[in-house]
Protein backbone atom coordinates (compact mmCIF):
# COMPACT_ATOMS: atom_id res chain seq x y z
CA UNK A 1 0.00 0.00 0.00
CA UNK A 2 1.34 3.42 -0.88
CA UNK A 3 1.73 5.84 2.00
CA UNK A 4 2.03 9.62 2.03
CA UNK A 5 3.80 10.53 5.25
CA UNK A 6 5.79 13.75 5.33
CA UNK A 7 9.50 13.76 6.12
CA UNK A 8 8.65 15.38 9.44
CA UNK A 9 6.13 12.64 10.30
CA UNK A 10 8.70 9.96 9.44
CA UNK A 11 11.04 11.38 12.09
CA UNK A 12 8.66 9.80 14.64
CA UNK A 13 9.78 6.18 15.13
CA UNK A 14 6.16 5.03 15.58
CA UNK A 15 5.18 6.57 12.24
CA UNK A 16 8.22 4.99 10.59
CA UNK A 17 7.17 1.59 11.95
CA UNK A 18 3.55 2.19 10.90
CA UNK A 19 4.76 3.11 7.41
CA UNK A 20 6.56 -0.22 7.10
CA UNK A 21 3.51 -2.15 8.29
CA UNK A 22 1.14 -0.27 5.99
CA UNK A 23 3.38 -0.92 2.99
CA UNK A 24 3.11 -4.69 3.62
CA UNK A 25 -0.58 -4.62 2.67
CA UNK A 26 -1.10 -5.02 -1.07
CA UNK A 27 -4.85 -4.30 -0.65
CA UNK A 28 -5.80 -7.49 -2.50
CA UNK A 29 -8.93 -8.08 -0.41
CA UNK A 30 -8.16 -11.70 0.44
CA UNK A 31 -8.36 -10.82 4.13
CA UNK A 32 -12.05 -9.94 3.74
CA UNK A 33 -12.81 -13.50 2.65
CA UNK A 34 -11.77 -14.80 6.07
CA UNK A 35 -12.81 -11.89 8.30
CA UNK A 36 -15.89 -12.81 10.39
CA UNK A 37 -16.88 -9.18 10.92
CA UNK A 38 -16.74 -8.39 7.20
CA UNK A 39 -18.67 -11.57 6.38
CA UNK A 40 -21.49 -10.62 8.76
CA UNK A 41 -21.65 -6.86 8.24
CA UNK A 42 -20.49 -6.64 4.62
CA UNK A 43 -18.99 -3.17 5.07
CA UNK A 44 -15.47 -2.72 3.67
CA UNK A 45 -14.53 -0.64 6.72
CA UNK A 46 -15.33 -3.61 8.96
CA UNK A 47 -12.74 -5.76 7.21
CA UNK A 48 -9.01 -5.66 7.85
CA UNK A 49 -8.26 -3.70 4.67
CA UNK A 50 -10.86 -1.06 5.53
CA UNK A 51 -9.50 -0.62 9.01
CA UNK A 52 -5.99 -0.31 7.64
CA UNK A 53 -7.21 2.49 5.35
CA UNK A 54 -8.85 4.23 8.33
CA UNK A 55 -5.66 4.06 10.39
CA UNK A 56 -3.55 5.16 7.43
CA UNK A 57 -5.79 8.18 6.82
CA UNK A 58 -5.77 9.20 10.49
CA UNK A 59 -1.99 8.84 10.83
CA UNK A 60 -1.14 10.59 7.55
CA UNK A 61 -3.56 13.46 8.14
CA UNK A 62 -3.25 13.70 11.93
CA UNK A 63 -7.02 13.19 12.29
CA UNK A 64 -8.79 12.32 15.52
CA UNK A 65 -11.11 9.32 15.60
CA UNK A 66 -14.79 10.16 15.46
CA UNK A 67 -17.71 8.00 16.60
CA UNK A 68 -18.10 6.31 13.19
CA UNK A 69 -14.41 5.38 13.06
CA UNK A 70 -14.42 4.22 16.69
CA UNK A 71 -17.25 1.78 15.83
CA UNK A 72 -15.03 0.03 13.29
CA UNK A 73 -12.21 -0.30 15.84
CA UNK A 74 -14.51 -1.73 18.48
CA UNK A 75 -15.58 -4.45 16.05
CA UNK A 76 -12.04 -5.22 15.05
CA UNK A 77 -11.38 -8.95 15.14
CA UNK A 78 -8.09 -8.96 13.29
CA UNK A 79 -5.67 -11.48 14.74
CA UNK A 80 -2.45 -10.27 13.15
CA UNK A 81 -0.14 -8.50 15.55
CA UNK A 82 0.98 -5.91 12.97
CA UNK A 83 -2.47 -4.34 12.85
CA UNK A 84 -2.71 -4.20 16.64
CA UNK A 85 0.66 -2.44 16.62
CA UNK A 86 -0.81 0.15 14.22
CA UNK A 87 -3.79 0.66 16.50
CA UNK A 88 -1.46 1.07 19.48
CA UNK A 89 0.64 3.69 17.64
CA UNK A 90 -2.48 5.66 16.83
CA UNK A 91 -4.05 5.27 20.27
CA UNK A 92 -0.90 6.67 21.85
CA UNK A 93 -1.42 9.79 19.76
CA UNK A 94 -5.15 10.44 19.50
CA UNK A 95 -7.64 7.61 19.94
CA UNK A 96 -9.74 7.93 23.07
CA UNK A 97 -12.66 5.53 22.55
CA UNK A 98 -13.48 4.72 26.15
PDB file of N, CA and C in Angstrom:
ATOM      1  N   UNK A   1       0.848  -1.160   0.000  1.00  0.00           N
ATOM      2  CA  UNK A   1       0.000   0.000   0.000  1.00  0.00           C
ATOM      3  C   UNK A   1       0.900   1.231   0.000  1.00  0.00           C
ATOM      4  N   UNK A   2       0.578   2.177  -0.836  1.00  0.00           N
ATOM      5  CA  UNK A   2       1.337   3.417  -0.880  1.00  0.00           C
ATOM      6  C   UNK A   2       0.974   4.286   0.314  1.00  0.00           C
ATOM      7  N   UNK A   3       1.970   4.917   0.895  1.00  0.00           N
ATOM      8  CA  UNK A   3       1.731   5.839   2.004  1.00  0.00           C
ATOM      9  C   UNK A   3       2.207   7.235   1.609  1.00  0.00           C
ATOM     10  N   UNK A   4       1.701   8.232   2.342  1.00  0.00           N
ATOM     11  CA  UNK A   4       2.027   9.625   2.031  1.00  0.00           C
ATOM     12  C   UNK A   4       2.421  10.387   3.280  1.00  0.00           C
ATOM     13  N   UNK A   5       3.329   9.838   4.064  1.00  0.00           N
ATOM     14  CA  UNK A   5       3.803  10.530   5.248  1.00  0.00           C
ATOM     15  C   UNK A   5       4.809  11.601   4.845  1.00  0.00           C
ATOM     16  N   UNK A   6       4.809  12.697   5.581  1.00  0.00           N
ATOM     17  CA  UNK A   6       5.786  13.752   5.328  1.00  0.00           C
ATOM     18  C   UNK A   6       7.127  13.340   5.947  1.00  0.00           C
ATOM     19  N   UNK A   7       8.180  14.032   5.531  1.00  0.00           N
ATOM     20  CA  UNK A   7       9.499  13.764   6.116  1.00  0.00           C
ATOM     21  C   UNK A   7       9.474  14.031   7.616  1.00  0.00           C
ATOM     22  N   UNK A   8       8.757  15.058   8.014  1.00  0.00           N
ATOM     23  CA  UNK A   8       8.655  15.379   9.436  1.00  0.00           C
ATOM     24  C   UNK A   8       7.951  14.261  10.202  1.00  0.00           C
ATOM     25  N   UNK A   9       6.843  13.734   9.642  1.00  0.00           N
ATOM     26  CA  UNK A   9       6.132  12.636  10.295  1.00  0.00           C
ATOM     27  C   UNK A   9       7.037  11.415  10.447  1.00  0.00           C
ATOM     28  N   UNK A  10       7.845  11.144   9.431  1.00  0.00           N
ATOM     29  CA  UNK A  10       8.701   9.956   9.444  1.00  0.00           C
ATOM     30  C   UNK A  10       9.860  10.076  10.426  1.00  0.00           C
ATOM     31  N   UNK A  11      10.047  11.235  11.032  1.00  0.00           N
ATOM     32  CA  UNK A  11      11.044  11.384  12.089  1.00  0.00           C
ATOM     33  C   UNK A  11      10.564  10.720  13.381  1.00  0.00           C
ATOM     34  N   UNK A  12       9.259  10.495  13.486  1.00  0.00           N
ATOM     35  CA  UNK A  12       8.665   9.803  14.636  1.00  0.00           C
ATOM     36  C   UNK A  12       8.839   8.297  14.404  1.00  0.00           C
ATOM     37  N   UNK A  13       9.503   7.613  15.321  1.00  0.00           N
ATOM     38  CA  UNK A  13       9.779   6.184  15.134  1.00  0.00           C
ATOM     39  C   UNK A  13       8.499   5.353  15.018  1.00  0.00           C
ATOM     40  N   UNK A  14       7.430   5.756  15.702  1.00  0.00           N
ATOM     41  CA  UNK A  14       6.160   5.026  15.576  1.00  0.00           C
ATOM     42  C   UNK A  14       5.588   5.166  14.171  1.00  0.00           C
ATOM     43  N   UNK A  15       5.678   6.353  13.606  1.00  0.00           N
ATOM     44  CA  UNK A  15       5.181   6.575  12.241  1.00  0.00           C
ATOM     45  C   UNK A  15       6.028   5.786  11.250  1.00  0.00           C
ATOM     46  N   UNK A  16       7.340   5.763  11.464  1.00  0.00           N
ATOM     47  CA  UNK A  16       8.224   4.988  10.587  1.00  0.00           C
ATOM     48  C   UNK A  16       7.847   3.510  10.639  1.00  0.00           C
ATOM     49  N   UNK A  17       7.597   2.990  11.820  1.00  0.00           N
ATOM     50  CA  UNK A  17       7.165   1.588  11.954  1.00  0.00           C
ATOM     51  C   UNK A  17       5.812   1.366  11.293  1.00  0.00           C
ATOM     52  N   UNK A  18       4.882   2.292  11.520  1.00  0.00           N
ATOM     53  CA  UNK A  18       3.554   2.188  10.900  1.00  0.00           C
ATOM     54  C   UNK A  18       3.669   2.202   9.382  1.00  0.00           C
ATOM     55  N   UNK A  19       4.547   3.037   8.854  1.00  0.00           N
ATOM     56  CA  UNK A  19       4.757   3.112   7.408  1.00  0.00           C
ATOM     57  C   UNK A  19       5.179   1.754   6.857  1.00  0.00           C
ATOM     58  N   UNK A  20       6.106   1.104   7.544  1.00  0.00           N
ATOM     59  CA  UNK A  20       6.558  -0.221   7.103  1.00  0.00           C
ATOM     60  C   UNK A  20       5.440  -1.249   7.132  1.00  0.00           C
ATOM     61  N   UNK A  21       4.630  -1.209   8.173  1.00  0.00           N
ATOM     62  CA  UNK A  21       3.510  -2.150   8.288  1.00  0.00           C
ATOM     63  C   UNK A  21       2.470  -1.880   7.205  1.00  0.00           C
ATOM     64  N   UNK A  22       2.133  -0.628   6.999  1.00  0.00           N
ATOM     65  CA  UNK A  22       1.145  -0.273   5.986  1.00  0.00           C
ATOM     66  C   UNK A  22       1.591  -0.701   4.591  1.00  0.00           C
ATOM     67  N   UNK A  23       2.860  -0.560   4.318  1.00  0.00           N
ATOM     68  CA  UNK A  23       3.380  -0.918   2.991  1.00  0.00           C
ATOM     69  C   UNK A  23       3.362  -2.431   2.740  1.00  0.00           C
ATOM     70  N   UNK A  24       3.207  -3.235   3.791  1.00  0.00           N
ATOM     71  CA  UNK A  24       3.107  -4.691   3.618  1.00  0.00           C
ATOM     72  C   UNK A  24       1.777  -5.096   2.986  1.00  0.00           C
ATOM     73  N   UNK A  25       0.740  -4.292   3.209  1.00  0.00           N
ATOM     74  CA  UNK A  25      -0.585  -4.618   2.670  1.00  0.00           C
ATOM     75  C   UNK A  25      -0.618  -4.282   1.188  1.00  0.00           C
ATOM     76  N   UNK A  26      -0.991  -5.261   0.371  1.00  0.00           N
ATOM     77  CA  UNK A  26      -1.101  -5.017  -1.070  1.00  0.00           C
ATOM     78  C   UNK A  26      -2.553  -4.765  -1.480  1.00  0.00           C
ATOM     79  N   UNK A  27      -3.413  -4.554  -0.507  1.00  0.00           N
ATOM     80  CA  UNK A  27      -4.853  -4.298  -0.653  1.00  0.00           C
ATOM     81  C   UNK A  27      -5.519  -5.189  -1.694  1.00  0.00           C
ATOM     82  N   UNK A  28      -5.241  -6.492  -1.582  1.00  0.00           N
ATOM     83  CA  UNK A  28      -5.801  -7.489  -2.502  1.00  0.00           C
ATOM     84  C   UNK A  28      -7.237  -7.865  -2.136  1.00  0.00           C
ATOM     85  N   UNK A  29      -7.581  -7.730  -0.851  1.00  0.00           N
ATOM     86  CA  UNK A  29      -8.925  -8.078  -0.410  1.00  0.00           C
ATOM     87  C   UNK A  29      -9.084  -9.502   0.072  1.00  0.00           C
ATOM     88  N   UNK A  30      -8.051 -10.315  -0.020  1.00  0.00           N
ATOM     89  CA  UNK A  30      -8.159 -11.705   0.436  1.00  0.00           C
ATOM     90  C   UNK A  30      -8.500 -11.785   1.920  1.00  0.00           C
ATOM     91  N   UNK A  31      -8.073 -10.815   2.684  1.00  0.00           N
ATOM     92  CA  UNK A  31      -8.364 -10.825   4.126  1.00  0.00           C
ATOM     93  C   UNK A  31      -9.864 -10.743   4.400  1.00  0.00           C
ATOM     94  N   UNK A  32     -10.604 -10.058   3.533  1.00  0.00           N
ATOM     95  CA  UNK A  32     -12.052  -9.944   3.738  1.00  0.00           C
ATOM     96  C   UNK A  32     -12.760 -11.290   3.627  1.00  0.00           C
ATOM     97  N   UNK A  33     -12.192 -12.181   2.836  1.00  0.00           N
ATOM     98  CA  UNK A  33     -12.809 -13.497   2.650  1.00  0.00           C
ATOM     99  C   UNK A  33     -12.793 -14.329   3.932  1.00  0.00           C
ATOM    100  N   UNK A  34     -11.870 -14.028   4.838  1.00  0.00           N
ATOM    101  CA  UNK A  34     -11.767 -14.804   6.070  1.00  0.00           C
ATOM    102  C   UNK A  34     -12.099 -13.988   7.319  1.00  0.00           C
ATOM    103  N   UNK A  35     -12.510 -12.749   7.157  1.00  0.00           N
ATOM    104  CA  UNK A  35     -12.811 -11.893   8.304  1.00  0.00           C
ATOM    105  C   UNK A  35     -14.270 -12.076   8.724  1.00  0.00           C
ATOM    106  N   UNK A  36     -14.510 -12.591   9.940  1.00  0.00           N
ATOM    107  CA  UNK A  36     -15.886 -12.813  10.387  1.00  0.00           C
ATOM    108  C   UNK A  36     -16.723 -11.532  10.420  1.00  0.00           C
ATOM    109  N   UNK A  37     -16.130 -10.435  10.844  1.00  0.00           N
ATOM    110  CA  UNK A  37     -16.884  -9.178  10.916  1.00  0.00           C
ATOM    111  C   UNK A  37     -17.314  -8.738   9.528  1.00  0.00           C
ATOM    112  N   UNK A  38     -16.399  -8.781   8.574  1.00  0.00           N
ATOM    113  CA  UNK A  38     -16.742  -8.390   7.203  1.00  0.00           C
ATOM    114  C   UNK A  38     -17.809  -9.318   6.627  1.00  0.00           C
ATOM    115  N   UNK A  39     -17.695 -10.610   6.898  1.00  0.00           N
ATOM    116  CA  UNK A  39     -18.669 -11.571   6.377  1.00  0.00           C
ATOM    117  C   UNK A  39     -20.074 -11.292   6.909  1.00  0.00           C
ATOM    118  N   UNK A  40     -20.178 -10.887   8.149  1.00  0.00           N
ATOM    119  CA  UNK A  40     -21.490 -10.625   8.761  1.00  0.00           C
ATOM    120  C   UNK A  40     -22.031  -9.264   8.353  1.00  0.00           C
ATOM    121  N   UNK A  41     -21.197  -8.231   8.449  1.00  0.00           N
ATOM    122  CA  UNK A  41     -21.649  -6.855   8.236  1.00  0.00           C
ATOM    123  C   UNK A  41     -21.616  -6.465   6.761  1.00  0.00           C
ATOM    124  N   UNK A  42     -20.598  -6.930   6.034  1.00  0.00           N
ATOM    125  CA  UNK A  42     -20.493  -6.640   4.616  1.00  0.00           C
ATOM    126  C   UNK A  42     -20.002  -5.235   4.288  1.00  0.00           C
ATOM    127  N   UNK A  43     -19.500  -4.518   5.275  1.00  0.00           N
ATOM    128  CA  UNK A  43     -18.986  -3.165   5.072  1.00  0.00           C
ATOM    129  C   UNK A  43     -17.472  -3.255   4.950  1.00  0.00           C
ATOM    130  N   UNK A  44     -16.915  -2.691   3.890  1.00  0.00           N
ATOM    131  CA  UNK A  44     -15.470  -2.720   3.669  1.00  0.00           C
ATOM    132  C   UNK A  44     -14.698  -2.201   4.886  1.00  0.00           C
ATOM    133  N   UNK A  45     -15.230  -1.207   5.563  1.00  0.00           N
ATOM    134  CA  UNK A  45     -14.531  -0.638   6.716  1.00  0.00           C
ATOM    135  C   UNK A  45     -14.528  -1.568   7.920  1.00  0.00           C
ATOM    136  N   UNK A  46     -15.326  -2.626   7.892  1.00  0.00           N
ATOM    137  CA  UNK A  46     -15.330  -3.611   8.964  1.00  0.00           C
ATOM    138  C   UNK A  46     -14.429  -4.799   8.657  1.00  0.00           C
ATOM    139  N   UNK A  47     -13.728  -4.742   7.538  1.00  0.00           N
ATOM    140  CA  UNK A  47     -12.736  -5.755   7.211  1.00  0.00           C
ATOM    141  C   UNK A  47     -11.350  -5.218   7.511  1.00  0.00           C
ATOM    142  N   UNK A  48     -10.371  -6.093   7.542  1.00  0.00           N
ATOM    143  CA  UNK A  48      -9.010  -5.659   7.847  1.00  0.00           C
ATOM    144  C   UNK A  48      -8.504  -4.556   6.927  1.00  0.00           C
ATOM    145  N   UNK A  49      -8.743  -4.696   5.626  1.00  0.00           N
ATOM    146  CA  UNK A  49      -8.265  -3.696   4.668  1.00  0.00           C
ATOM    147  C   UNK A  49      -8.894  -2.337   4.934  1.00  0.00           C
ATOM    148  N   UNK A  50     -10.184  -2.322   5.241  1.00  0.00           N
ATOM    149  CA  UNK A  50     -10.861  -1.059   5.526  1.00  0.00           C
ATOM    150  C   UNK A  50     -10.320  -0.389   6.769  1.00  0.00           C
ATOM    151  N   UNK A  51     -10.055  -1.185   7.772  1.00  0.00           N
ATOM    152  CA  UNK A  51      -9.505  -0.623   9.012  1.00  0.00           C
ATOM    153  C   UNK A  51      -8.089  -0.098   8.797  1.00  0.00           C
ATOM    154  N   UNK A  52      -7.328  -0.787   7.958  1.00  0.00           N
ATOM    155  CA  UNK A  52      -5.989  -0.309   7.637  1.00  0.00           C
ATOM    156  C   UNK A  52      -6.083   1.058   6.948  1.00  0.00           C
ATOM    157  N   UNK A  53      -7.021   1.197   6.024  1.00  0.00           N
ATOM    158  CA  UNK A  53      -7.205   2.491   5.354  1.00  0.00           C
ATOM    159  C   UNK A  53      -7.596   3.582   6.354  1.00  0.00           C
ATOM    160  N   UNK A  54      -8.454   3.243   7.315  1.00  0.00           N
ATOM    161  CA  UNK A  54      -8.847   4.230   8.330  1.00  0.00           C
ATOM    162  C   UNK A  54      -7.641   4.684   9.153  1.00  0.00           C
ATOM    163  N   UNK A  55      -6.841   3.725   9.604  1.00  0.00           N
ATOM    164  CA  UNK A  55      -5.658   4.062  10.391  1.00  0.00           C
ATOM    165  C   UNK A  55      -4.679   4.881   9.559  1.00  0.00           C
ATOM    166  N   UNK A  56      -4.462   4.447   8.332  1.00  0.00           N
ATOM    167  CA  UNK A  56      -3.552   5.157   7.425  1.00  0.00           C
ATOM    168  C   UNK A  56      -3.992   6.608   7.264  1.00  0.00           C
ATOM    169  N   UNK A  57      -5.262   6.829   7.009  1.00  0.00           N
ATOM    170  CA  UNK A  57      -5.785   8.179   6.820  1.00  0.00           C
ATOM    171  C   UNK A  57      -5.610   9.025   8.079  1.00  0.00           C
ATOM    172  N   UNK A  58      -5.905   8.440   9.240  1.00  0.00           N
ATOM    173  CA  UNK A  58      -5.768   9.198  10.485  1.00  0.00           C
ATOM    174  C   UNK A  58      -4.308   9.534  10.775  1.00  0.00           C
ATOM    175  N   UNK A  59      -3.404   8.582  10.566  1.00  0.00           N
ATOM    176  CA  UNK A  59      -1.994   8.840  10.826  1.00  0.00           C
ATOM    177  C   UNK A  59      -1.414   9.855   9.840  1.00  0.00           C
ATOM    178  N   UNK A  60      -1.697   9.680   8.553  1.00  0.00           N
ATOM    179  CA  UNK A  60      -1.145  10.587   7.546  1.00  0.00           C
ATOM    180  C   UNK A  60      -1.661  12.017   7.708  1.00  0.00           C
ATOM    181  N   UNK A  61      -2.923  12.140   8.076  1.00  0.00           N
ATOM    182  CA  UNK A  61      -3.558  13.462   8.136  1.00  0.00           C
ATOM    183  C   UNK A  61      -3.746  13.986   9.548  1.00  0.00           C
ATOM    184  N   UNK A  62      -3.181  13.282  10.530  1.00  0.00           N
ATOM    185  CA  UNK A  62      -3.246  13.696  11.930  1.00  0.00           C
ATOM    186  C   UNK A  62      -4.692  13.976  12.358  1.00  0.00           C
ATOM    187  N   UNK A  63      -5.584  13.048  11.989  1.00  0.00           N
ATOM    188  CA  UNK A  63      -7.016  13.188  12.287  1.00  0.00           C
ATOM    189  C   UNK A  63      -7.367  12.475  13.586  1.00  0.00           C
ATOM    190  N   UNK A  64      -8.278  13.046  14.347  1.00  0.00           N
ATOM    191  CA  UNK A  64      -8.794  12.319  15.515  1.00  0.00           C
ATOM    192  C   UNK A  64      -9.839  11.294  15.066  1.00  0.00           C
ATOM    193  N   UNK A  65     -10.056  10.296  15.880  1.00  0.00           N
ATOM    194  CA  UNK A  65     -11.112   9.323  15.601  1.00  0.00           C
ATOM    195  C   UNK A  65     -12.452   9.944  15.970  1.00  0.00           C
ATOM    196  N   UNK A  66     -13.435   9.726  15.121  1.00  0.00           N
ATOM    197  CA  UNK A  66     -14.789  10.157  15.461  1.00  0.00           C
ATOM    198  C   UNK A  66     -15.610   8.921  15.833  1.00  0.00           C
ATOM    199  N   UNK A  67     -16.870   9.115  16.142  1.00  0.00           N
ATOM    200  CA  UNK A  67     -17.711   7.998  16.596  1.00  0.00           C
ATOM    201  C   UNK A  67     -17.835   6.906  15.537  1.00  0.00           C
ATOM    202  N   UNK A  68     -17.970   7.291  14.280  1.00  0.00           N
ATOM    203  CA  UNK A  68     -18.097   6.313  13.190  1.00  0.00           C
ATOM    204  C   UNK A  68     -16.830   5.455  13.093  1.00  0.00           C
ATOM    205  N   UNK A  69     -15.673   6.103  13.158  1.00  0.00           N
ATOM    206  CA  UNK A  69     -14.412   5.376  13.061  1.00  0.00           C
ATOM    207  C   UNK A  69     -14.224   4.485  14.283  1.00  0.00           C
ATOM    208  N   UNK A  70     -14.562   4.993  15.457  1.00  0.00           N
ATOM    209  CA  UNK A  70     -14.423   4.217  16.691  1.00  0.00           C
ATOM    210  C   UNK A  70     -15.236   2.926  16.610  1.00  0.00           C
ATOM    211  N   UNK A  71     -16.405   2.969  15.987  1.00  0.00           N
ATOM    212  CA  UNK A  71     -17.251   1.781  15.826  1.00  0.00           C
ATOM    213  C   UNK A  71     -16.488   0.672  15.096  1.00  0.00           C
ATOM    214  N   UNK A  72     -15.769   1.037  14.058  1.00  0.00           N
ATOM    215  CA  UNK A  72     -15.028   0.033  13.290  1.00  0.00           C
ATOM    216  C   UNK A  72     -13.880  -0.556  14.106  1.00  0.00           C
ATOM    217  N   UNK A  73     -13.270   0.230  14.977  1.00  0.00           N
ATOM    218  CA  UNK A  73     -12.211  -0.296  15.838  1.00  0.00           C
ATOM    219  C   UNK A  73     -12.778  -1.241  16.874  1.00  0.00           C
ATOM    220  N   UNK A  74     -13.925  -0.886  17.442  1.00  0.00           N
ATOM    221  CA  UNK A  74     -14.509  -1.726  18.481  1.00  0.00           C
ATOM    222  C   UNK A  74     -14.909  -3.093  17.946  1.00  0.00           C
ATOM    223  N   UNK A  75     -15.190  -3.177  16.658  1.00  0.00           N
ATOM    224  CA  UNK A  75     -15.576  -4.448  16.051  1.00  0.00           C
ATOM    225  C   UNK A  75     -14.384  -5.197  15.457  1.00  0.00           C
ATOM    226  N   UNK A  76     -13.229  -4.669  15.680  1.00  0.00           N
ATOM    227  CA  UNK A  76     -12.037  -5.224  15.052  1.00  0.00           C
ATOM    228  C   UNK A  76     -11.703  -6.598  15.605  1.00  0.00           C
ATOM    229  N   UNK A  77     -11.699  -7.578  14.736  1.00  0.00           N
ATOM    230  CA  UNK A  77     -11.380  -8.947  15.139  1.00  0.00           C
ATOM    231  C   UNK A  77     -10.105  -9.465  14.478  1.00  0.00           C
ATOM    232  N   UNK A  78      -9.309  -8.558  13.977  1.00  0.00           N
ATOM    233  CA  UNK A  78      -8.087  -8.956  13.291  1.00  0.00           C
ATOM    234  C   UNK A  78      -7.147  -9.646  14.271  1.00  0.00           C
ATOM    235  N   UNK A  79      -6.544 -10.727  13.847  1.00  0.00           N
ATOM    236  CA  UNK A  79      -5.669 -11.477  14.743  1.00  0.00           C
ATOM    237  C   UNK A  79      -4.186 -11.233  14.478  1.00  0.00           C
ATOM    238  N   UNK A  80      -3.867 -10.497  13.445  1.00  0.00           N
ATOM    239  CA  UNK A  80      -2.452 -10.266  13.145  1.00  0.00           C
ATOM    240  C   UNK A  80      -1.879  -9.158  14.014  1.00  0.00           C
ATOM    241  N   UNK A  81      -0.782  -9.445  14.632  1.00  0.00           N
ATOM    242  CA  UNK A  81      -0.140  -8.503  15.549  1.00  0.00           C
ATOM    243  C   UNK A  81       0.198  -7.168  14.896  1.00  0.00           C
ATOM    244  N   UNK A  82       0.604  -7.163  13.628  1.00  0.00           N
ATOM    245  CA  UNK A  82       0.976  -5.911  12.966  1.00  0.00           C
ATOM    246  C   UNK A  82      -0.134  -4.874  13.048  1.00  0.00           C
ATOM    247  N   UNK A  83      -1.367  -5.293  12.874  1.00  0.00           N
ATOM    248  CA  UNK A  83      -2.474  -4.343  12.854  1.00  0.00           C
ATOM    249  C   UNK A  83      -2.777  -3.830  14.260  1.00  0.00           C
ATOM    250  N   UNK A  84      -2.559  -4.667  15.273  1.00  0.00           N
ATOM    251  CA  UNK A  84      -2.710  -4.195  16.643  1.00  0.00           C
ATOM    252  C   UNK A  84      -1.599  -3.203  16.986  1.00  0.00           C
ATOM    253  N   UNK A  85      -0.427  -3.397  16.419  1.00  0.00           N
ATOM    254  CA  UNK A  85       0.659  -2.443  16.618  1.00  0.00           C
ATOM    255  C   UNK A  85       0.260  -1.096  16.021  1.00  0.00           C
ATOM    256  N   UNK A  86      -0.329  -1.102  14.831  1.00  0.00           N
ATOM    257  CA  UNK A  86      -0.810   0.150  14.220  1.00  0.00           C
ATOM    258  C   UNK A  86      -1.826   0.838  15.116  1.00  0.00           C
ATOM    259  N   UNK A  87      -2.770   0.086  15.627  1.00  0.00           N
ATOM    260  CA  UNK A  87      -3.791   0.659  16.504  1.00  0.00           C
ATOM    261  C   UNK A  87      -3.144   1.251  17.750  1.00  0.00           C
ATOM    262  N   UNK A  88      -2.153   0.564  18.295  1.00  0.00           N
ATOM    263  CA  UNK A  88      -1.461   1.067  19.478  1.00  0.00           C
ATOM    264  C   UNK A  88      -0.724   2.367  19.171  1.00  0.00           C
ATOM    265  N   UNK A  89      -0.050   2.452  18.019  1.00  0.00           N
ATOM    266  CA  UNK A  89       0.640   3.694  17.641  1.00  0.00           C
ATOM    267  C   UNK A  89      -0.352   4.842  17.597  1.00  0.00           C
ATOM    268  N   UNK A  90      -1.491   4.584  16.956  1.00  0.00           N
ATOM    269  CA  UNK A  90      -2.476   5.655  16.825  1.00  0.00           C
ATOM    270  C   UNK A  90      -3.094   6.001  18.175  1.00  0.00           C
ATOM    271  N   UNK A  91      -3.401   5.004  18.985  1.00  0.00           N
ATOM    272  CA  UNK A  91      -4.051   5.270  20.266  1.00  0.00           C
ATOM    273  C   UNK A  91      -3.135   6.069  21.184  1.00  0.00           C
ATOM    274  N   UNK A  92      -1.840   5.877  21.067  1.00  0.00           N
ATOM    275  CA  UNK A  92      -0.900   6.666  21.854  1.00  0.00           C
ATOM    276  C   UNK A  92      -0.993   8.141  21.480  1.00  0.00           C
ATOM    277  N   UNK A  93      -1.356   8.413  20.228  1.00  0.00           N
ATOM    278  CA  UNK A  93      -1.424   9.791  19.756  1.00  0.00           C
ATOM    279  C   UNK A  93      -2.783  10.430  19.987  1.00  0.00           C
ATOM    280  N   UNK A  94      -3.866   9.764  19.581  1.00  0.00           N
ATOM    281  CA  UNK A  94      -5.148  10.439  19.498  1.00  0.00           C
ATOM    282  C   UNK A  94      -6.352   9.673  20.005  1.00  0.00           C
ATOM    283  N   UNK A  95      -6.405   8.374  19.783  1.00  0.00           N
ATOM    284  CA  UNK A  95      -7.638   7.614  19.936  1.00  0.00           C
ATOM    285  C   UNK A  95      -8.056   7.480  21.389  1.00  0.00           C
ATOM    286  N   UNK A  96      -9.190   8.008  21.715  1.00  0.00           N
ATOM    287  CA  UNK A  96      -9.740   7.929  23.072  1.00  0.00           C
ATOM    288  C   UNK A  96     -11.189   7.432  22.938  1.00  0.00           C
ATOM    289  N   UNK A  97     -11.331   6.106  22.771  1.00  0.00           N
ATOM    290  CA  UNK A  97     -12.657   5.527  22.545  1.00  0.00           C
ATOM    291  C   UNK A  97     -13.434   5.428  23.842  1.00  0.00           C
ATOM    292  N   UNK A  98     -12.786   4.978  24.904  1.00  0.00           N
ATOM    293  CA  UNK A  98     -13.483   4.721  26.151  1.00  0.00           C
ATOM    294  C   UNK A  98     -13.375   5.899  27.108  1.00  0.00           C
TER     295      UNK A  98
END
